[in-house]
């Protein structure tokens, strides 16, 4: 007959192992695509200098209507950087056929300059306040650069930053539950902890010996 305490211990072990496996597969499902992306872009970032890229530059020039130029002239005495007036913002978005954020622009007596950084490239817009001439330039450095910037969260906006936070939490759950699952199986797999130790020791040695 089984010892009641041994039976209880086996039951507890089975419960925790089942729970850990459940959290492990759910977290792995949530972060699988993200981990593939981050692993791939880890390679591309590490070899960025070896990956050729030919930036594509797009330029547009339009003329701001007189009625809208007056909306800009009324702000001559403003000292702080401000967003473009809503009517000017709408007209520029339509005339240039671009998605224009409502971020603050740099105002000076001669011109208004709006920096439009984006993943995988850059863009800017300049308005001459006297003539109403508008210049727009966009640089696209390719999809590898785009994915690299997604990896770094560079110029990706608030929604992507939140996604990175959620992804990071899912990765932590995946790793921590994996560690506890290893603990449960370590007794029958003697190489478990040496393998885990190698994952710590090898990077640590590289840092100590080769990174200064």
C-alpha atoms as a PDB file:
ATOM      1  CA  UNK A   1       0.000   0.000   0.000  1.00  0.00           C
ATOM      2  CA  UNK A   2       1.246   3.477  -0.935  1.00  0.00           C
ATOM      3  CA  UNK A   3       2.445   5.840   1.763  1.00  0.00           C
ATOM      4  CA  UNK A   4      -0.176   8.679   2.032  1.00  0.00           C
ATOM      5  CA  UNK A   5       2.536  11.347   2.185  1.00  0.00           C
ATOM      6  CA  UNK A   6       4.258   9.881  -0.895  1.00  0.00           C
ATOM      7  CA  UNK A   7       0.929   9.791  -2.735  1.00  0.00           C
ATOM      8  CA  UNK A   8       0.259  13.413  -1.783  1.00  0.00           C
ATOM      9  CA  UNK A   9       3.749  14.427  -2.954  1.00  0.00           C
ATOM     10  CA  UNK A  10       3.205  12.627  -6.275  1.00  0.00           C
ATOM     11  CA  UNK A  11      -0.165  14.340  -6.664  1.00  0.00           C
ATOM     12  CA  UNK A  12       1.363  17.760  -5.947  1.00  0.00           C
ATOM     13  CA  UNK A  13       4.188  17.074  -8.383  1.00  0.00           C
ATOM     14  CA  UNK A  14       1.744  16.068 -11.118  1.00  0.00           C
ATOM     15  CA  UNK A  15      -0.369  19.191 -10.465  1.00  0.00           C
ATOM     16  CA  UNK A  16       2.552  21.612 -10.624  1.00  0.00           C
ATOM     17  CA  UNK A  17       4.087  19.902 -13.619  1.00  0.00           C
ATOM     18  CA  UNK A  18       0.778  20.097 -15.483  1.00  0.00           C
ATOM     19  CA  UNK A  19       0.347  23.773 -14.526  1.00  0.00           C
ATOM     20  CA  UNK A  20       3.904  24.637 -15.569  1.00  0.00           C
ATOM     21  CA  UNK A  21       3.476  22.853 -18.888  1.00  0.00           C
ATOM     22  CA  UNK A  22       0.245  24.783 -19.496  1.00  0.00           C
ATOM     23  CA  UNK A  23       1.845  28.179 -18.788  1.00  0.00           C
ATOM     24  CA  UNK A  24       4.907  27.125 -20.777  1.00  0.00           C
ATOM     25  CA  UNK A  25       3.016  26.275 -23.973  1.00  0.00           C
ATOM     26  CA  UNK A  26       0.712  29.303 -23.715  1.00  0.00           C
ATOM     27  CA  UNK A  27       3.639  31.701 -23.281  1.00  0.00           C
ATOM     28  CA  UNK A  28       5.572  29.983 -26.075  1.00  0.00           C
ATOM     29  CA  UNK A  29       2.587  30.342 -28.407  1.00  0.00           C
ATOM     30  CA  UNK A  30       2.283  34.046 -27.557  1.00  0.00           C
ATOM     31  CA  UNK A  31       5.942  34.852 -28.119  1.00  0.00           C
ATOM     32  CA  UNK A  32       6.847  32.329 -30.864  1.00  0.00           C
ATOM     33  CA  UNK A  33       6.629  34.712 -33.835  1.00  0.00           C
ATOM     34  CA  UNK A  34       8.263  37.507 -31.842  1.00  0.00           C
ATOM     35  CA  UNK A  35      11.133  35.236 -30.802  1.00  0.00           C
ATOM     36  CA  UNK A  36      11.704  34.183 -34.420  1.00  0.00           C
ATOM     37  CA  UNK A  37      11.743  37.849 -35.451  1.00  0.00           C
ATOM     38  CA  UNK A  38      14.110  38.835 -32.647  1.00  0.00           C
ATOM     39  CA  UNK A  39      16.421  35.895 -33.332  1.00  0.00           C
ATOM     40  CA  UNK A  40      16.585  36.764 -37.040  1.00  0.00           C
ATOM     41  CA  UNK A  41      17.117  40.482 -36.434  1.00  0.00           C
ATOM     42  CA  UNK A  42      19.723  39.641 -33.791  1.00  0.00           C
ATOM     43  CA  UNK A  43      21.768  38.170 -36.664  1.00  0.00           C
ATOM     44  CA  UNK A  44      21.057  41.076 -39.037  1.00  0.00           C
ATOM     45  CA  UNK A  45      21.947  43.652 -36.377  1.00  0.00           C
ATOM     46  CA  UNK A  46      25.157  41.811 -35.538  1.00  0.00           C
ATOM     47  CA  UNK A  47      26.133  41.858 -39.228  1.00  0.00           C
ATOM     48  CA  UNK A  48      24.605  45.195 -40.212  1.00  0.00           C
ATOM     49  CA  UNK A  49      27.849  46.386 -41.819  1.00  0.00           C
ATOM     50  CA  UNK A  50      27.984  43.271 -44.016  1.00  0.00           C
ATOM     51  CA  UNK A  51      24.433  43.573 -45.365  1.00  0.00           C
ATOM     52  CA  UNK A  52      24.295  45.884 -48.404  1.00  0.00           C
ATOM     53  CA  UNK A  53      21.521  48.459 -48.498  1.00  0.00           C
ATOM     54  CA  UNK A  54      20.714  51.099 -51.107  1.00  0.00           C
ATOM     55  CA  UNK A  55      18.531  53.830 -49.602  1.00  0.00           C
ATOM     56  CA  UNK A  56      15.649  55.005 -51.762  1.00  0.00           C
ATOM     57  CA  UNK A  57      14.910  58.716 -51.522  1.00  0.00           C
ATOM     58  CA  UNK A  58      11.518  60.181 -52.421  1.00  0.00           C
ATOM     59  CA  UNK A  59      11.079  63.938 -52.719  1.00  0.00           C
ATOM     60  CA  UNK A  60       7.962  66.061 -53.175  1.00  0.00           C
ATOM     61  CA  UNK A  61       7.445  69.804 -53.499  1.00  0.00           C
ATOM     62  CA  UNK A  62       4.059  71.504 -53.168  1.00  0.00           C
ATOM     63  CA  UNK A  63       2.829  75.057 -52.689  1.00  0.00           C
ATOM     64  CA  UNK A  64       0.799  75.973 -49.635  1.00  0.00           C
ATOM     65  CA  UNK A  65      -2.347  77.981 -50.550  1.00  0.00           C
ATOM     66  CA  UNK A  66      -2.410  81.639 -49.523  1.00  0.00           C
ATOM     67  CA  UNK A  67      -5.307  81.068 -47.132  1.00  0.00           C
ATOM     68  CA  UNK A  68      -3.284  78.515 -45.186  1.00  0.00           C
ATOM     69  CA  UNK A  69      -0.128  80.611 -45.158  1.00  0.00           C
ATOM     70  CA  UNK A  70      -1.973  83.202 -43.094  1.00  0.00           C
ATOM     71  CA  UNK A  71      -2.605  80.549 -40.427  1.00  0.00           C
ATOM     72  CA  UNK A  72       1.158  80.135 -40.134  1.00  0.00           C
ATOM     73  CA  UNK A  73       1.907  83.861 -40.171  1.00  0.00           C
ATOM     74  CA  UNK A  74      -0.308  84.376 -37.131  1.00  0.00           C
ATOM     75  CA  UNK A  75       2.158  82.368 -35.040  1.00  0.00           C
ATOM     76  CA  UNK A  76       5.220  84.531 -35.620  1.00  0.00           C
ATOM     77  CA  UNK A  77       5.532  85.459 -31.969  1.00  0.00           C
ATOM     78  CA  UNK A  78       5.243  81.908 -30.604  1.00  0.00           C
ATOM     79  CA  UNK A  79       8.390  80.923 -28.740  1.00  0.00           C
ATOM     80  CA  UNK A  80       7.734  77.223 -28.153  1.00  0.00           C
ATOM     81  CA  UNK A  81       7.537  74.425 -30.684  1.00  0.00           C
ATOM     82  CA  UNK A  82       3.959  73.745 -31.658  1.00  0.00           C
ATOM     83  CA  UNK A  83       2.033  71.310 -33.810  1.00  0.00           C
ATOM     84  CA  UNK A  84       0.910  72.529 -37.212  1.00  0.00           C
ATOM     85  CA  UNK A  85      -2.545  74.134 -37.350  1.00  0.00           C
ATOM     86  CA  UNK A  86      -5.172  71.465 -38.024  1.00  0.00           C
ATOM     87  CA  UNK A  87      -6.189  72.881 -41.411  1.00  0.00           C
ATOM     88  CA  UNK A  88      -2.555  73.010 -42.568  1.00  0.00           C
ATOM     89  CA  UNK A  89      -1.971  69.496 -41.233  1.00  0.00           C
ATOM     90  CA  UNK A  90      -4.957  68.096 -43.171  1.00  0.00           C
ATOM     91  CA  UNK A  91      -3.993  69.870 -46.395  1.00  0.00           C
ATOM     92  CA  UNK A  92      -0.385  68.647 -46.260  1.00  0.00           C
ATOM     93  CA  UNK A  93      -1.430  65.052 -45.570  1.00  0.00           C
ATOM     94  CA  UNK A  94      -3.705  65.089 -48.627  1.00  0.00           C
ATOM     95  CA  UNK A  95      -1.410  67.063 -50.949  1.00  0.00           C
ATOM     96  CA  UNK A  96       1.642  64.924 -50.160  1.00  0.00           C
ATOM     97  CA  UNK A  97      -0.361  61.693 -49.810  1.00  0.00           C
ATOM     98  CA  UNK A  98       1.319  60.792 -46.516  1.00  0.00           C
ATOM     99  CA  UNK A  99       0.309  59.881 -42.990  1.00  0.00           C
ATOM    100  CA  UNK A 100       1.307  62.946 -41.005  1.00  0.00           C
ATOM    101  CA  UNK A 101       1.585  62.668 -37.201  1.00  0.00           C
ATOM    102  CA  UNK A 102       0.435  65.504 -34.995  1.00  0.00           C
ATOM    103  CA  UNK A 103       3.841  65.983 -33.395  1.00  0.00           C
ATOM    104  CA  UNK A 104       5.348  69.371 -32.632  1.00  0.00           C
ATOM    105  CA  UNK A 105       7.320  71.144 -35.354  1.00  0.00           C
ATOM    106  CA  UNK A 106      10.333  73.434 -35.027  1.00  0.00           C
ATOM    107  CA  UNK A 107       9.198  77.037 -35.671  1.00  0.00           C
ATOM    108  CA  UNK A 108      11.494  79.877 -36.690  1.00  0.00           C
ATOM    109  CA  UNK A 109      10.784  83.217 -38.392  1.00  0.00           C
ATOM    110  CA  UNK A 110      11.961  81.808 -41.753  1.00  0.00           C
ATOM    111  CA  UNK A 111      10.624  78.254 -41.786  1.00  0.00           C
ATOM    112  CA  UNK A 112       8.809  75.416 -40.070  1.00  0.00           C
ATOM    113  CA  UNK A 113      10.636  72.105 -39.884  1.00  0.00           C
ATOM    114  CA  UNK A 114       8.962  68.819 -39.000  1.00  0.00           C
ATOM    115  CA  UNK A 115      11.101  65.747 -38.361  1.00  0.00           C
ATOM    116  CA  UNK A 116       9.347  62.509 -39.287  1.00  0.00           C
ATOM    117  CA  UNK A 117      11.572  59.596 -38.183  1.00  0.00           C
ATOM    118  CA  UNK A 118      10.246  56.136 -38.989  1.00  0.00           C
ATOM    119  CA  UNK A 119      11.384  52.500 -38.732  1.00  0.00           C
ATOM    120  CA  UNK A 120      13.717  51.589 -41.582  1.00  0.00           C
ATOM    121  CA  UNK A 121      14.227  55.124 -42.753  1.00  0.00           C
ATOM    122  CA  UNK A 122      13.697  58.788 -42.138  1.00  0.00           C
ATOM    123  CA  UNK A 123      11.620  61.690 -43.410  1.00  0.00           C
ATOM    124  CA  UNK A 124      11.293  65.421 -42.936  1.00  0.00           C
ATOM    125  CA  UNK A 125       9.072  68.280 -44.049  1.00  0.00           C
ATOM    126  CA  UNK A 126       9.988  71.958 -44.374  1.00  0.00           C
ATOM    127  CA  UNK A 127       7.710  74.942 -44.994  1.00  0.00           C
ATOM    128  CA  UNK A 128       9.049  78.330 -46.038  1.00  0.00           C
ATOM    129  CA  UNK A 129       6.840  80.757 -44.159  1.00  0.00           C
ATOM    130  CA  UNK A 130       7.339  83.636 -46.577  1.00  0.00           C
ATOM    131  CA  UNK A 131       6.646  81.828 -49.853  1.00  0.00           C
ATOM    132  CA  UNK A 132       4.577  78.856 -48.655  1.00  0.00           C
ATOM    133  CA  UNK A 133       6.864  76.415 -50.471  1.00  0.00           C
ATOM    134  CA  UNK A 134       6.747  72.933 -48.938  1.00  0.00           C
ATOM    135  CA  UNK A 135       9.529  70.360 -49.325  1.00  0.00           C
ATOM    136  CA  UNK A 136       9.097  66.750 -48.254  1.00  0.00           C
ATOM    137  CA  UNK A 137      11.754  64.045 -48.336  1.00  0.00           C
ATOM    138  CA  UNK A 138      11.497  60.402 -47.324  1.00  0.00           C
ATOM    139  CA  UNK A 139      14.359  57.906 -47.155  1.00  0.00           C
ATOM    140  CA  UNK A 140      13.693  54.150 -47.162  1.00  0.00           C
ATOM    141  CA  UNK A 141      16.627  51.913 -46.191  1.00  0.00           C
ATOM    142  CA  UNK A 142      14.914  48.601 -46.942  1.00  0.00           C
ATOM    143  CA  UNK A 143      13.038  45.894 -45.070  1.00  0.00           C
ATOM    144  CA  UNK A 144      16.101  44.598 -43.179  1.00  0.00           C
ATOM    145  CA  UNK A 145      16.584  48.057 -41.680  1.00  0.00           C
ATOM    146  CA  UNK A 146      12.839  48.173 -40.970  1.00  0.00           C
ATOM    147  CA  UNK A 147      12.944  44.873 -39.044  1.00  0.00           C
ATOM    148  CA  UNK A 148      16.094  45.976 -37.193  1.00  0.00           C
ATOM    149  CA  UNK A 149      14.317  49.117 -36.006  1.00  0.00           C
ATOM    150  CA  UNK A 150      11.335  47.029 -34.880  1.00  0.00           C
ATOM    151  CA  UNK A 151      13.805  44.961 -32.831  1.00  0.00           C
ATOM    152  CA  UNK A 152      15.186  48.108 -31.184  1.00  0.00           C
ATOM    153  CA  UNK A 153      11.795  49.840 -30.822  1.00  0.00           C
ATOM    154  CA  UNK A 154      13.259  52.782 -32.758  1.00  0.00           C
ATOM    155  CA  UNK A 155      10.662  55.332 -33.876  1.00  0.00           C
ATOM    156  CA  UNK A 156       7.907  52.726 -33.594  1.00  0.00           C
ATOM    157  CA  UNK A 157       5.360  54.567 -31.457  1.00  0.00           C
ATOM    158  CA  UNK A 158       3.569  53.820 -28.208  1.00  0.00           C
ATOM    159  CA  UNK A 159       1.557  50.784 -29.406  1.00  0.00           C
ATOM    160  CA  UNK A 160       4.693  48.906 -30.491  1.00  0.00           C
ATOM    161  CA  UNK A 161       6.465  49.760 -27.223  1.00  0.00           C
ATOM    162  CA  UNK A 162       3.553  48.257 -25.298  1.00  0.00           C
ATOM    163  CA  UNK A 163       3.692  45.178 -27.527  1.00  0.00           C
ATOM    164  CA  UNK A 164       7.394  44.799 -26.738  1.00  0.00           C
ATOM    165  CA  UNK A 165       6.589  44.952 -23.018  1.00  0.00           C
ATOM    166  CA  UNK A 166       3.912  42.248 -23.362  1.00  0.00           C
ATOM    167  CA  UNK A 167       6.259  40.154 -25.498  1.00  0.00           C
ATOM    168  CA  UNK A 168       9.032  40.504 -22.897  1.00  0.00           C
ATOM    169  CA  UNK A 169       6.712  39.351 -20.108  1.00  0.00           C
ATOM    170  CA  UNK A 170       5.642  36.337 -22.209  1.00  0.00           C
ATOM    171  CA  UNK A 171       9.323  35.482 -22.796  1.00  0.00           C
ATOM    172  CA  UNK A 172      10.014  35.708 -19.058  1.00  0.00           C
ATOM    173  CA  UNK A 173       7.103  33.379 -18.296  1.00  0.00           C
ATOM    174  CA  UNK A 174       8.321  30.994 -21.019  1.00  0.00           C
ATOM    175  CA  UNK A 175      11.862  30.908 -19.622  1.00  0.00           C
ATOM    176  CA  UNK A 176      10.924  30.710 -15.941  1.00  0.00           C
ATOM    177  CA  UNK A 177       8.377  27.925 -16.452  1.00  0.00           C
ATOM    178  CA  UNK A 178      10.942  26.120 -18.613  1.00  0.00           C
ATOM    179  CA  UNK A 179      13.448  26.379 -15.774  1.00  0.00           C
ATOM    180  CA  UNK A 180      11.017  24.830 -13.285  1.00  0.00           C
ATOM    181  CA  UNK A 181      10.116  22.076 -15.764  1.00  0.00           C
ATOM    182  CA  UNK A 182      13.839  21.335 -16.069  1.00  0.00           C
ATOM    183  CA  UNK A 183      13.989  21.111 -12.268  1.00  0.00           C
ATOM    184  CA  UNK A 184      11.246  18.481 -12.242  1.00  0.00           C
ATOM    185  CA  UNK A 185      13.012  16.383 -14.885  1.00  0.00           C
ATOM    186  CA  UNK A 186      16.592  16.959 -13.714  1.00  0.00           C
ATOM    187  CA  UNK A 187      16.674  13.861 -11.497  1.00  0.00           C
ATOM    188  CA  UNK A 188      16.260  11.570 -14.512  1.00  0.00           C
ATOM    189  CA  UNK A 189      18.371  13.721 -16.843  1.00  0.00           C
ATOM    190  CA  UNK A 190      21.777  14.294 -15.232  1.00  0.00           C
ATOM    191  CA  UNK A 191      23.038  16.603 -17.992  1.00  0.00           C
ATOM    192  CA  UNK A 192      20.288  19.170 -17.295  1.00  0.00           C
ATOM    193  CA  UNK A 193      22.119  21.477 -14.883  1.00  0.00           C
ATOM    194  CA  UNK A 194      25.496  21.269 -16.649  1.00  0.00           C
ATOM    195  CA  UNK A 195      23.730  22.395 -19.833  1.00  0.00           C
ATOM    196  CA  UNK A 196      22.001  25.241 -17.981  1.00  0.00           C
ATOM    197  CA  UNK A 197      25.325  26.190 -16.410  1.00  0.00           C
ATOM    198  CA  UNK A 198      26.977  26.325 -19.825  1.00  0.00           C
ATOM    199  CA  UNK A 199      24.350  28.818 -20.917  1.00  0.00           C
ATOM    200  CA  UNK A 200      25.560  31.104 -18.130  1.00  0.00           C
ATOM    201  CA  UNK A 201      29.286  30.367 -18.077  1.00  0.00           C
ATOM    202  CA  UNK A 202      30.009  30.688 -21.815  1.00  0.00           C
ATOM    203  CA  UNK A 203      28.580  34.249 -22.199  1.00  0.00           C
ATOM    204  CA  UNK A 204      30.184  35.237 -18.880  1.00  0.00           C
ATOM    205  CA  UNK A 205      33.614  34.039 -20.029  1.00  0.00           C
ATOM    206  CA  UNK A 206      33.260  35.882 -23.342  1.00  0.00           C
ATOM    207  CA  UNK A 207      32.424  39.096 -21.471  1.00  0.00           C
ATOM    208  CA  UNK A 208      35.360  38.697 -19.076  1.00  0.00           C
ATOM    209  CA  UNK A 209      37.940  37.641 -21.677  1.00  0.00           C
ATOM    210  CA  UNK A 210      37.000  39.500 -24.860  1.00  0.00           C
ATOM    211  CA  UNK A 211      34.806  42.508 -24.020  1.00  0.00           C
ATOM    212  CA  UNK A 212      36.594  45.476 -22.459  1.00  0.00           C
END
